[in-house]
Amino acid sequence: MHARFVPLPNQRRSQEAYDTAQALRERPGEWAHIETLANLNRATNLGYRIRTGMHSAFRPAGAFDATARSVGDGTAELYACYIGQPATADTDPQQ
């Protein structure tokens, strides 16, 4: 073990996720394959993070939909769609 004093590297965000979210925004209502993951659990978890806006590239919460599909080899495909800004009390036409 040793101590090496160096400046911390800058935190990096995944530009790929932001690029994917932007591509979905440019084609609202269209589903796109966005990721292949090791298993259905991982794909479902990422889909939840996208739908709820927990993944910062896909905010605000409710602006994206996502769903996972199992593949025969044990992997899973994740699909997402930009559905638009969620309605608020100020913009809800039924109020």
Protein backbone atom coordinates (compact mmCIF):
# COMPACT_ATOMS: atom_id res chain seq x y z
CA MET A 1 0.00 0.00 0.00
CA HIS A 2 1.18 3.53 -0.66
CA ALA A 3 -0.06 7.11 -0.57
CA ARG A 4 0.11 9.04 -3.80
CA PHE A 5 -1.24 12.58 -3.63
CA VAL A 6 -2.83 13.64 -6.88
CA PRO A 7 -5.77 15.91 -7.73
CA LEU A 8 -9.11 14.17 -8.05
CA PRO A 9 -10.18 13.65 -11.64
CA ASN A 10 -13.31 15.43 -12.76
CA GLN A 11 -16.52 13.49 -12.37
CA ARG A 12 -17.79 12.41 -15.75
CA ARG A 13 -21.34 11.82 -16.75
CA SER A 14 -22.18 9.33 -19.40
CA GLN A 15 -22.53 11.45 -22.51
CA GLU A 16 -23.97 8.42 -24.26
CA ALA A 17 -27.06 8.47 -22.00
CA TYR A 18 -27.63 12.18 -22.69
CA ASP A 19 -27.21 11.59 -26.43
CA THR A 20 -29.72 8.72 -26.26
CA ALA A 21 -32.24 10.85 -24.37
CA GLN A 22 -31.83 13.66 -26.90
CA ALA A 23 -32.35 11.26 -29.83
CA LEU A 24 -35.58 10.06 -28.20
CA ARG A 25 -36.75 13.65 -27.65
CA GLU A 26 -36.23 14.34 -31.36
CA ARG A 27 -38.65 11.50 -32.26
CA PRO A 28 -41.45 11.64 -29.69
CA GLY A 29 -43.79 8.69 -29.55
CA GLU A 30 -41.38 6.32 -31.31
CA TRP A 31 -39.90 3.35 -29.48
CA ALA A 32 -36.18 2.69 -29.84
CA HIS A 33 -33.89 -0.09 -28.70
CA ILE A 34 -31.44 1.61 -26.35
CA GLU A 35 -29.51 -1.13 -24.54
CA THR A 36 -28.81 -4.85 -24.27
CA LEU A 37 -28.22 -5.96 -20.69
CA ALA A 38 -26.99 -9.15 -19.05
CA ASN A 39 -30.40 -10.16 -17.69
CA LEU A 40 -34.02 -9.09 -17.39
CA ASN A 41 -33.55 -7.81 -13.84
CA ARG A 42 -30.91 -5.28 -14.91
CA ALA A 43 -32.96 -4.16 -17.89
CA THR A 44 -36.10 -3.75 -15.77
CA ASN A 45 -34.15 -1.77 -13.17
CA LEU A 46 -32.73 0.62 -15.75
CA GLY A 47 -36.17 1.01 -17.32
CA TYR A 48 -37.56 2.00 -13.92
CA ARG A 49 -34.76 4.55 -13.45
CA ILE A 50 -35.55 6.04 -16.87
CA ARG A 51 -39.33 6.24 -16.29
CA THR A 52 -38.98 7.82 -12.86
CA GLY A 53 -36.26 10.29 -13.84
CA MET A 54 -33.78 8.76 -11.41
CA HIS A 55 -31.34 8.67 -14.33
CA SER A 56 -30.57 12.36 -14.78
CA ALA A 57 -30.41 12.19 -18.59
CA PHE A 58 -34.06 11.17 -18.66
CA ARG A 59 -35.62 13.93 -16.56
CA PRO A 60 -38.20 15.13 -15.77
CA ALA A 61 -39.82 12.06 -14.27
CA GLY A 62 -42.60 10.75 -16.47
CA ALA A 63 -41.25 12.23 -19.71
CA PHE A 64 -39.97 8.84 -20.91
CA ASP A 65 -41.41 5.36 -20.96
CA ALA A 66 -39.23 2.24 -20.98
CA THR A 67 -39.81 -1.49 -21.15
CA ALA A 68 -37.60 -4.56 -21.09
CA ARG A 69 -37.96 -7.69 -23.20
CA SER A 70 -36.30 -11.01 -22.45
CA VAL A 71 -34.15 -12.61 -25.15
CA GLY A 72 -33.73 -16.38 -25.53
CA ASP A 73 -30.06 -16.35 -24.56
CA GLY A 74 -30.78 -14.92 -21.08
CA THR A 75 -30.01 -11.30 -21.97
CA ALA A 76 -32.62 -8.59 -22.14
CA GLU A 77 -33.31 -5.72 -24.52
CA LEU A 78 -34.37 -2.32 -23.22
CA TYR A 79 -36.62 -0.07 -25.29
CA ALA A 80 -37.52 3.53 -24.51
CA CYS A 81 -39.80 6.23 -25.85
CA TYR A 82 -40.10 9.97 -25.21
CA ILE A 83 -43.73 10.68 -24.33
CA GLY A 84 -43.38 14.36 -23.49
CA GLN A 85 -43.45 16.53 -20.43
CA PRO A 86 -45.77 15.23 -17.72
CA ALA A 87 -48.86 17.35 -17.12
CA THR A 88 -48.82 19.68 -14.14
CA ALA A 89 -51.72 21.30 -12.30
CA ASP A 90 -51.08 24.51 -14.26
CA THR A 91 -51.18 22.81 -17.67
CA ASP A 92 -53.78 20.07 -17.03
CA PRO A 93 -56.77 20.93 -19.26
CA GLN A 94 -59.20 19.03 -17.01
CA GLN A 95 -58.75 21.41 -14.09
